[in-house]
Amino acid sequence: MQEQAPRPISGIVDAVVTTSQDTDGVLAFHLMVGPPDRPHECDRIEFTLDPEHARALFGDTARTSAVQVPCRVGVEFGGTPSAQHC
């Protein structure tokens, strides 16, 4: 995989991220993008990390319970694809 140079993001939206880890060590991030008080209006995104990639980012810290925190997500819709895009 090639590294991409960072580029400016055109917008920031409010979101809530929840994490969970299954018994095989797969770490999942669940993003709910939109107003947290109106979840039926939110877009949902999920991405997962295999155990070895989760350890590379976070070390050997085991997750025993789900965590939910507010965050901001940078989005760019309809951006020009890069020639190096994965």
PDB file of N, CA and C in Angstrom:
ATOM      1  N   MET A   1       0.851  -1.175   0.000  1.00  0.00           N
ATOM      2  CA  MET A   1       0.000   0.000   0.000  1.00  0.00           C
ATOM      3  C   MET A   1       0.891   1.231   0.000  1.00  0.00           C
ATOM      4  N   GLN A   2       0.580   2.187  -0.853  1.00  0.00           N
ATOM      5  CA  GLN A   2       1.337   3.422  -0.923  1.00  0.00           C
ATOM      6  C   GLN A   2       0.775   4.444   0.045  1.00  0.00           C
ATOM      7  N   GLU A   3       1.681   5.237   0.619  1.00  0.00           N
ATOM      8  CA  GLU A   3       1.233   6.319   1.489  1.00  0.00           C
ATOM      9  C   GLU A   3       0.779   7.488   0.649  1.00  0.00           C
ATOM     10  N   GLN A   4      -0.280   8.134   1.095  1.00  0.00           N
ATOM     11  CA  GLN A   4      -0.768   9.325   0.409  1.00  0.00           C
ATOM     12  C   GLN A   4      -0.377  10.550   1.209  1.00  0.00           C
ATOM     13  N   ALA A   5      -0.034  11.595   0.506  1.00  0.00           N
ATOM     14  CA  ALA A   5       0.233  12.865   1.170  1.00  0.00           C
ATOM     15  C   ALA A   5      -1.083  13.411   1.701  1.00  0.00           C
ATOM     16  N   PRO A   6      -1.081  13.956   2.919  1.00  0.00           N
ATOM     17  CA  PRO A   6      -2.324  14.539   3.441  1.00  0.00           C
ATOM     18  C   PRO A   6      -2.773  15.696   2.560  1.00  0.00           C
ATOM     19  N   ARG A   7      -4.076  15.857   2.456  1.00  0.00           N
ATOM     20  CA  ARG A   7      -4.628  16.987   1.726  1.00  0.00           C
ATOM     21  C   ARG A   7      -5.770  17.558   2.538  1.00  0.00           C
ATOM     22  N   PRO A   8      -6.081  18.822   2.338  1.00  0.00           N
ATOM     23  CA  PRO A   8      -7.137  19.462   3.133  1.00  0.00           C
ATOM     24  C   PRO A   8      -8.488  18.766   2.937  1.00  0.00           C
ATOM     25  N   ILE A   9      -9.260  18.725   3.993  1.00  0.00           N
ATOM     26  CA  ILE A   9     -10.607  18.174   3.969  1.00  0.00           C
ATOM     27  C   ILE A   9     -11.577  19.343   3.909  1.00  0.00           C
ATOM     28  N   SER A  10     -12.597  19.209   3.077  1.00  0.00           N
ATOM     29  CA  SER A  10     -13.486  20.341   2.829  1.00  0.00           C
ATOM     30  C   SER A  10     -14.527  20.583   3.911  1.00  0.00           C
ATOM     31  N   GLY A  11     -14.812  19.619   4.767  1.00  0.00           N
ATOM     32  CA  GLY A  11     -15.839  19.836   5.775  1.00  0.00           C
ATOM     33  C   GLY A  11     -15.651  18.966   7.002  1.00  0.00           C
ATOM     34  N   ILE A  12     -16.219  19.395   8.099  1.00  0.00           N
ATOM     35  CA  ILE A  12     -16.166  18.666   9.366  1.00  0.00           C
ATOM     36  C   ILE A  12     -17.605  18.461   9.824  1.00  0.00           C
ATOM     37  N   VAL A  13     -17.935  17.225  10.236  1.00  0.00           N
ATOM     38  CA  VAL A  13     -19.270  16.932  10.749  1.00  0.00           C
ATOM     39  C   VAL A  13     -19.155  16.288  12.130  1.00  0.00           C
ATOM     40  N   ASP A  14     -20.188  16.474  12.942  1.00  0.00           N
ATOM     41  CA  ASP A  14     -20.231  15.834  14.259  1.00  0.00           C
ATOM     42  C   ASP A  14     -20.557  14.362  14.098  1.00  0.00           C
ATOM     43  N   ALA A  15     -20.018  13.563  14.990  1.00  0.00           N
ATOM     44  CA  ALA A  15     -20.247  12.124  14.935  1.00  0.00           C
ATOM     45  C   ALA A  15     -20.068  11.537  16.334  1.00  0.00           C
ATOM     46  N   VAL A  16     -20.424  10.284  16.456  1.00  0.00           N
ATOM     47  CA  VAL A  16     -20.158   9.501  17.660  1.00  0.00           C
ATOM     48  C   VAL A  16     -19.476   8.228  17.186  1.00  0.00           C
ATOM     49  N   VAL A  17     -18.389   7.867  17.863  1.00  0.00           N
ATOM     50  CA  VAL A  17     -17.692   6.630  17.515  1.00  0.00           C
ATOM     51  C   VAL A  17     -17.837   5.652  18.678  1.00  0.00           C
ATOM     52  N   THR A  18     -18.176   4.433  18.340  1.00  0.00           N
ATOM     53  CA  THR A  18     -18.267   3.348  19.311  1.00  0.00           C
ATOM     54  C   THR A  18     -17.285   2.274  18.876  1.00  0.00           C
ATOM     55  N   THR A  19     -16.569   1.728  19.826  1.00  0.00           N
ATOM     56  CA  THR A  19     -15.643   0.646  19.510  1.00  0.00           C
ATOM     57  C   THR A  19     -16.117  -0.635  20.165  1.00  0.00           C
ATOM     58  N   SER A  20     -15.779  -1.732  19.529  1.00  0.00           N
ATOM     59  CA  SER A  20     -16.028  -3.042  20.130  1.00  0.00           C
ATOM     60  C   SER A  20     -14.973  -3.995  19.606  1.00  0.00           C
ATOM     61  N   GLN A  21     -14.709  -5.038  20.362  1.00  0.00           N
ATOM     62  CA  GLN A  21     -13.727  -6.021  19.946  1.00  0.00           C
ATOM     63  C   GLN A  21     -14.333  -7.401  20.136  1.00  0.00           C
ATOM     64  N   ASP A  22     -14.225  -8.237  19.102  1.00  0.00           N
ATOM     65  CA  ASP A  22     -14.803  -9.566  19.210  1.00  0.00           C
ATOM     66  C   ASP A  22     -13.803 -10.527  19.852  1.00  0.00           C
ATOM     67  N   THR A  23     -14.221 -11.757  20.056  1.00  0.00           N
ATOM     68  CA  THR A  23     -13.389 -12.742  20.759  1.00  0.00           C
ATOM     69  C   THR A  23     -12.132 -13.109  19.980  1.00  0.00           C
ATOM     70  N   ASP A  24     -12.119 -12.857  18.665  1.00  0.00           N
ATOM     71  CA  ASP A  24     -10.923 -13.125  17.861  1.00  0.00           C
ATOM     72  C   ASP A  24      -9.954 -11.946  17.864  1.00  0.00           C
ATOM     73  N   GLY A  25     -10.316 -10.845  18.521  1.00  0.00           N
ATOM     74  CA  GLY A  25      -9.448  -9.678  18.607  1.00  0.00           C
ATOM     75  C   GLY A  25      -9.665  -8.648  17.524  1.00  0.00           C
ATOM     76  N   VAL A  26     -10.666  -8.834  16.659  1.00  0.00           N
ATOM     77  CA  VAL A  26     -10.959  -7.843  15.614  1.00  0.00           C
ATOM     78  C   VAL A  26     -11.573  -6.619  16.294  1.00  0.00           C
ATOM     79  N   LEU A  27     -10.984  -5.453  16.042  1.00  0.00           N
ATOM     80  CA  LEU A  27     -11.450  -4.211  16.635  1.00  0.00           C
ATOM     81  C   LEU A  27     -12.320  -3.484  15.627  1.00  0.00           C
ATOM     82  N   ALA A  28     -13.540  -3.160  15.997  1.00  0.00           N
ATOM     83  CA  ALA A  28     -14.478  -2.482  15.104  1.00  0.00           C
ATOM     84  C   ALA A  28     -14.745  -1.068  15.610  1.00  0.00           C
ATOM     85  N   PHE A  29     -14.786  -0.143  14.669  1.00  0.00           N
ATOM     86  CA  PHE A  29     -15.168   1.237  14.935  1.00  0.00           C
ATOM     87  C   PHE A  29     -16.487   1.481  14.212  1.00  0.00           C
ATOM     88  N   HIS A  30     -17.485   1.968  14.931  1.00  0.00           N
ATOM     89  CA  HIS A  30     -18.799   2.256  14.369  1.00  0.00           C
ATOM     90  C   HIS A  30     -18.993   3.766  14.463  1.00  0.00           C
ATOM     91  N   LEU A  31     -19.078   4.436  13.324  1.00  0.00           N
ATOM     92  CA  LEU A  31     -19.300   5.875  13.298  1.00  0.00           C
ATOM     93  C   LEU A  31     -20.762   6.158  12.998  1.00  0.00           C
ATOM     94  N   MET A  32     -21.362   6.986  13.826  1.00  0.00           N
ATOM     95  CA  MET A  32     -22.712   7.469  13.587  1.00  0.00           C
ATOM     96  C   MET A  32     -22.550   8.963  13.288  1.00  0.00           C
ATOM     97  N   VAL A  33     -22.706   9.352  12.017  1.00  0.00           N
ATOM     98  CA  VAL A  33     -22.432  10.710  11.569  1.00  0.00           C
ATOM     99  C   VAL A  33     -23.741  11.472  11.476  1.00  0.00           C
ATOM    100  N   GLY A  34     -23.843  12.531  12.255  1.00  0.00           N
ATOM    101  CA  GLY A  34     -25.056  13.331  12.287  1.00  0.00           C
ATOM    102  C   GLY A  34     -25.411  13.680  13.714  1.00  0.00           C
ATOM    103  N   PRO A  35     -26.601  14.187  13.919  1.00  0.00           N
ATOM    104  CA  PRO A  35     -27.003  14.622  15.263  1.00  0.00           C
ATOM    105  C   PRO A  35     -27.231  13.425  16.192  1.00  0.00           C
ATOM    106  N   PRO A  36     -26.432  13.287  17.253  1.00  0.00           N
ATOM    107  CA  PRO A  36     -26.552  12.120  18.118  1.00  0.00           C
ATOM    108  C   PRO A  36     -27.910  11.998  18.810  1.00  0.00           C
ATOM    109  N   ASP A  37     -28.628  13.123  18.940  1.00  0.00           N
ATOM    110  CA  ASP A  37     -29.944  13.066  19.577  1.00  0.00           C
ATOM    111  C   ASP A  37     -31.031  12.614  18.596  1.00  0.00           C
ATOM    112  N   ARG A  38     -30.664  12.428  17.301  1.00  0.00           N
ATOM    113  CA  ARG A  38     -31.614  11.944  16.294  1.00  0.00           C
ATOM    114  C   ARG A  38     -30.962  10.822  15.484  1.00  0.00           C
ATOM    115  N   PRO A  39     -30.689   9.681  16.124  1.00  0.00           N
ATOM    116  CA  PRO A  39     -29.937   8.614  15.448  1.00  0.00           C
ATOM    117  C   PRO A  39     -30.587   8.113  14.167  1.00  0.00           C
ATOM    118  N   HIS A  40     -31.907   8.228  14.041  1.00  0.00           N
ATOM    119  CA  HIS A  40     -32.586   7.773  12.824  1.00  0.00           C
ATOM    120  C   HIS A  40     -32.204   8.622  11.610  1.00  0.00           C
ATOM    121  N   GLU A  41     -31.635   9.816  11.836  1.00  0.00           N
ATOM    122  CA  GLU A  41     -31.210  10.689  10.746  1.00  0.00           C
ATOM    123  C   GLU A  41     -29.728  10.524  10.410  1.00  0.00           C
ATOM    124  N   CYS A  42     -29.018   9.710  11.153  1.00  0.00           N
ATOM    125  CA  CYS A  42     -27.570   9.606  11.007  1.00  0.00           C
ATOM    126  C   CYS A  42     -27.167   8.608   9.927  1.00  0.00           C
ATOM    127  N   ASP A  43     -26.030   8.898   9.318  1.00  0.00           N
ATOM    128  CA  ASP A  43     -25.383   7.932   8.437  1.00  0.00           C
ATOM    129  C   ASP A  43     -24.499   7.062   9.321  1.00  0.00           C
ATOM    130  N   ARG A  44     -24.310   5.817   8.905  1.00  0.00           N
ATOM    131  CA  ARG A  44     -23.498   4.904   9.705  1.00  0.00           C
ATOM    132  C   ARG A  44     -22.362   4.351   8.867  1.00  0.00           C
ATOM    133  N   ILE A  45     -21.198   4.299   9.491  1.00  0.00           N
ATOM    134  CA  ILE A  45     -20.005   3.779   8.845  1.00  0.00           C
ATOM    135  C   ILE A  45     -19.338   2.831   9.840  1.00  0.00           C
ATOM    136  N   GLU A  46     -18.829   1.733   9.338  1.00  0.00           N
ATOM    137  CA  GLU A  46     -18.080   0.824  10.194  1.00  0.00           C
ATOM    138  C   GLU A  46     -16.778   0.469   9.501  1.00  0.00           C
ATOM    139  N   PHE A  47     -15.706   0.427  10.270  1.00  0.00           N
ATOM    140  CA  PHE A  47     -14.466  -0.135   9.744  1.00  0.00           C
ATOM    141  C   PHE A  47     -13.830  -0.985  10.824  1.00  0.00           C
ATOM    142  N   THR A  48     -13.108  -1.992  10.405  1.00  0.00           N
ATOM    143  CA  THR A  48     -12.526  -2.943  11.337  1.00  0.00           C
ATOM    144  C   THR A  48     -11.021  -3.038  11.127  1.00  0.00           C
ATOM    145  N   LEU A  49     -10.337  -3.430  12.192  1.00  0.00           N
ATOM    146  CA  LEU A  49      -8.906  -3.686  12.152  1.00  0.00           C
ATOM    147  C   LEU A  49      -8.657  -5.112  12.609  1.00  0.00           C
ATOM    148  N   ASP A  50      -7.852  -5.840  11.845  1.00  0.00           N
ATOM    149  CA  ASP A  50      -7.429  -7.162  12.289  1.00  0.00           C
ATOM    150  C   ASP A  50      -6.605  -7.009  13.561  1.00  0.00           C
ATOM    151  N   PRO A  51      -6.533  -8.066  14.377  1.00  0.00           N
ATOM    152  CA  PRO A  51      -5.845  -7.951  15.670  1.00  0.00           C
ATOM    153  C   PRO A  51      -4.422  -7.391  15.575  1.00  0.00           C
ATOM    154  N   GLU A  52      -3.645  -7.830  14.583  1.00  0.00           N
ATOM    155  CA  GLU A  52      -2.260  -7.348  14.486  1.00  0.00           C
ATOM    156  C   GLU A  52      -2.196  -5.865  14.146  1.00  0.00           C
ATOM    157  N   HIS A  53      -3.187  -5.366  13.378  1.00  0.00           N
ATOM    158  CA  HIS A  53      -3.208  -3.941  13.050  1.00  0.00           C
ATOM    159  C   HIS A  53      -3.694  -3.112  14.244  1.00  0.00           C
ATOM    160  N   ALA A  54      -4.632  -3.654  14.999  1.00  0.00           N
ATOM    161  CA  ALA A  54      -5.084  -2.961  16.215  1.00  0.00           C
ATOM    162  C   ALA A  54      -3.926  -2.850  17.207  1.00  0.00           C
ATOM    163  N   ARG A  55      -3.130  -3.921  17.353  1.00  0.00           N
ATOM    164  CA  ARG A  55      -1.966  -3.877  18.249  1.00  0.00           C
ATOM    165  C   ARG A  55      -0.932  -2.869  17.762  1.00  0.00           C
ATOM    166  N   ALA A  56      -0.754  -2.760  16.442  1.00  0.00           N
ATOM    167  CA  ALA A  56       0.205  -1.803  15.897  1.00  0.00           C
ATOM    168  C   ALA A  56      -0.184  -0.368  16.264  1.00  0.00           C
ATOM    169  N   LEU A  57      -1.483  -0.088  16.304  1.00  0.00           N
ATOM    170  CA  LEU A  57      -1.950   1.258  16.656  1.00  0.00           C
ATOM    171  C   LEU A  57      -2.049   1.497  18.155  1.00  0.00           C
ATOM    172  N   PHE A  58      -2.518   0.504  18.893  1.00  0.00           N
ATOM    173  CA  PHE A  58      -2.874   0.715  20.295  1.00  0.00           C
ATOM    174  C   PHE A  58      -2.072  -0.111  21.287  1.00  0.00           C
ATOM    175  N   GLY A  59      -1.148  -0.952  20.824  1.00  0.00           N
ATOM    176  CA  GLY A  59      -0.400  -1.810  21.733  1.00  0.00           C
ATOM    177  C   GLY A  59      -1.229  -3.022  22.112  1.00  0.00           C
ATOM    178  N   ASP A  60      -0.846  -3.651  23.197  1.00  0.00           N
ATOM    179  CA  ASP A  60      -1.519  -4.884  23.619  1.00  0.00           C
ATOM    180  C   ASP A  60      -2.683  -4.645  24.571  1.00  0.00           C
ATOM    181  N   THR A  61      -3.202  -3.449  24.613  1.00  0.00           N
ATOM    182  CA  THR A  61      -4.319  -3.134  25.497  1.00  0.00           C
ATOM    183  C   THR A  61      -5.561  -3.887  25.050  1.00  0.00           C
ATOM    184  N   ALA A  62      -6.074  -4.738  25.916  1.00  0.00           N
ATOM    185  CA  ALA A  62      -7.287  -5.498  25.596  1.00  0.00           C
ATOM    186  C   ALA A  62      -8.513  -4.630  25.866  1.00  0.00           C
ATOM    187  N   ARG A  63      -9.488  -4.704  25.009  1.00  0.00           N
ATOM    188  CA  ARG A  63     -10.755  -3.981  25.182  1.00  0.00           C
ATOM    189  C   ARG A  63     -11.766  -4.977  25.736  1.00  0.00           C
ATOM    190  N   THR A  64     -12.257  -4.701  26.919  1.00  0.00           N
ATOM    191  CA  THR A  64     -13.228  -5.618  27.505  1.00  0.00           C
ATOM    192  C   THR A  64     -14.648  -5.114  27.383  1.00  0.00           C
ATOM    193  N   SER A  65     -14.815  -3.833  27.087  1.00  0.00           N
ATOM    194  CA  SER A  65     -16.165  -3.304  26.944  1.00  0.00           C
ATOM    195  C   SER A  65     -16.184  -2.269  25.822  1.00  0.00           C
ATOM    196  N   ALA A  66     -17.366  -2.018  25.333  1.00  0.00           N
ATOM    197  CA  ALA A  66     -17.529  -1.027  24.265  1.00  0.00           C
ATOM    198  C   ALA A  66     -17.304   0.368  24.834  1.00  0.00           C
ATOM    199  N   VAL A  67     -16.774   1.241  24.006  1.00  0.00           N
ATOM    200  CA  VAL A  67     -16.534   2.629  24.373  1.00  0.00           C
ATOM    201  C   VAL A  67     -17.282   3.496  23.373  1.00  0.00           C
ATOM    202  N   GLN A  68     -17.925   4.558  23.844  1.00  0.00           N
ATOM    203  CA  GLN A  68     -18.650   5.464  22.952  1.00  0.00           C
ATOM    204  C   GLN A  68     -18.243   6.890  23.291  1.00  0.00           C
ATOM    205  N   VAL A  69     -17.730   7.616  22.285  1.00  0.00           N
ATOM    206  CA  VAL A  69     -17.285   8.990  22.510  1.00  0.00           C
ATOM    207  C   VAL A  69     -17.673   9.878  21.331  1.00  0.00           C
ATOM    208  N   PRO A  70     -17.946  11.160  21.603  1.00  0.00           N
ATOM    209  CA  PRO A  70     -18.209  12.082  20.505  1.00  0.00           C
ATOM    210  C   PRO A  70     -16.908  12.379  19.772  1.00  0.00           C
ATOM    211  N   CYS A  71     -17.011  12.705  18.501  1.00  0.00           N
ATOM    212  CA  CYS A  71     -15.838  13.049  17.706  1.00  0.00           C
ATOM    213  C   CYS A  71     -16.271  13.924  16.550  1.00  0.00           C
ATOM    214  N   ARG A  72     -15.313  14.345  15.764  1.00  0.00           N
ATOM    215  CA  ARG A  72     -15.588  15.082  14.534  1.00  0.00           C
ATOM    216  C   ARG A  72     -14.943  14.306  13.403  1.00  0.00           C
ATOM    217  N   VAL A  73     -15.597  14.268  12.273  1.00  0.00           N
ATOM    218  CA  VAL A  73     -15.115  13.515  11.119  1.00  0.00           C
ATOM    219  C   VAL A  73     -14.945  14.489   9.962  1.00  0.00           C
ATOM    220  N   GLY A  74     -13.777  14.460   9.362  1.00  0.00           N
ATOM    221  CA  GLY A  74     -13.547  15.258   8.165  1.00  0.00           C
ATOM    222  C   GLY A  74     -14.081  14.498   6.971  1.00  0.00           C
ATOM    223  N   VAL A  75     -14.840  15.172   6.138  1.00  0.00           N
ATOM    224  CA  VAL A  75     -15.418  14.518   4.962  1.00  0.00           C
ATOM    225  C   VAL A  75     -15.144  15.349   3.723  1.00  0.00           C
ATOM    226  N   GLU A  76     -15.013  14.660   2.627  1.00  0.00           N
ATOM    227  CA  GLU A  76     -14.912  15.323   1.335  1.00  0.00           C
ATOM    228  C   GLU A  76     -15.700  14.479   0.358  1.00  0.00           C
ATOM    229  N   PHE A  77     -16.844  14.962  -0.044  1.00  0.00           N
ATOM    230  CA  PHE A  77     -17.695  14.251  -0.979  1.00  0.00           C
ATOM    231  C   PHE A  77     -17.386  14.726  -2.389  1.00  0.00           C
ATOM    232  N   GLY A  78     -17.301  13.801  -3.315  1.00  0.00           N
ATOM    233  CA  GLY A  78     -17.069  14.160  -4.702  1.00  0.00           C
ATOM    234  C   GLY A  78     -15.684  14.715  -4.957  1.00  0.00           C
ATOM    235  N   GLY A  79     -14.721  14.350  -4.090  1.00  0.00           N
ATOM    236  CA  GLY A  79     -13.358  14.819  -4.279  1.00  0.00           C
ATOM    237  C   GLY A  79     -12.714  14.177  -5.503  1.00  0.00           C
ATOM    238  N   THR A  80     -11.719  14.829  -6.038  1.00  0.00           N
ATOM    239  CA  THR A  80     -10.997  14.310  -7.193  1.00  0.00           C
ATOM    240  C   THR A  80     -10.144  13.138  -6.746  1.00  0.00           C
ATOM    241  N   PRO A  81     -10.312  11.952  -7.331  1.00  0.00           N
ATOM    242  CA  PRO A  81      -9.507  10.822  -6.917  1.00  0.00           C
ATOM    243  C   PRO A  81      -8.026  11.056  -7.233  1.00  0.00           C
ATOM    244  N   SER A  82      -7.188  10.608  -6.338  1.00  0.00           N
ATOM    245  CA  SER A  82      -5.755  10.710  -6.537  1.00  0.00           C
ATOM    246  C   SER A  82      -5.262   9.528  -7.370  1.00  0.00           C
ATOM    247  N   ALA A  83      -4.203   9.722  -8.106  1.00  0.00           N
ATOM    248  CA  ALA A  83      -3.615   8.648  -8.888  1.00  0.00           C
ATOM    249  C   ALA A  83      -3.043   7.572  -7.985  1.00  0.00           C
ATOM    250  N   GLN A  84      -2.739   7.933  -6.741  1.00  0.00           N
ATOM    251  CA  GLN A  84      -2.180   6.983  -5.795  1.00  0.00           C
ATOM    252  C   GLN A  84      -3.232   6.387  -4.879  1.00  0.00           C
ATOM    253  N   HIS A  85      -4.492   6.666  -5.130  1.00  0.00           N
ATOM    254  CA  HIS A  85      -5.574   6.204  -4.258  1.00  0.00           C
ATOM    255  C   HIS A  85      -5.595   4.683  -4.191  1.00  0.00           C
ATOM    256  N   CYS A  86      -5.727   4.142  -2.974  1.00  0.00           N
ATOM    257  CA  CYS A  86      -5.740   2.674  -2.796  1.00  0.00           C
ATOM    258  C   CYS A  86      -7.009   2.081  -3.329  1.00  0.00           C
TER     259      CYS A  86
END
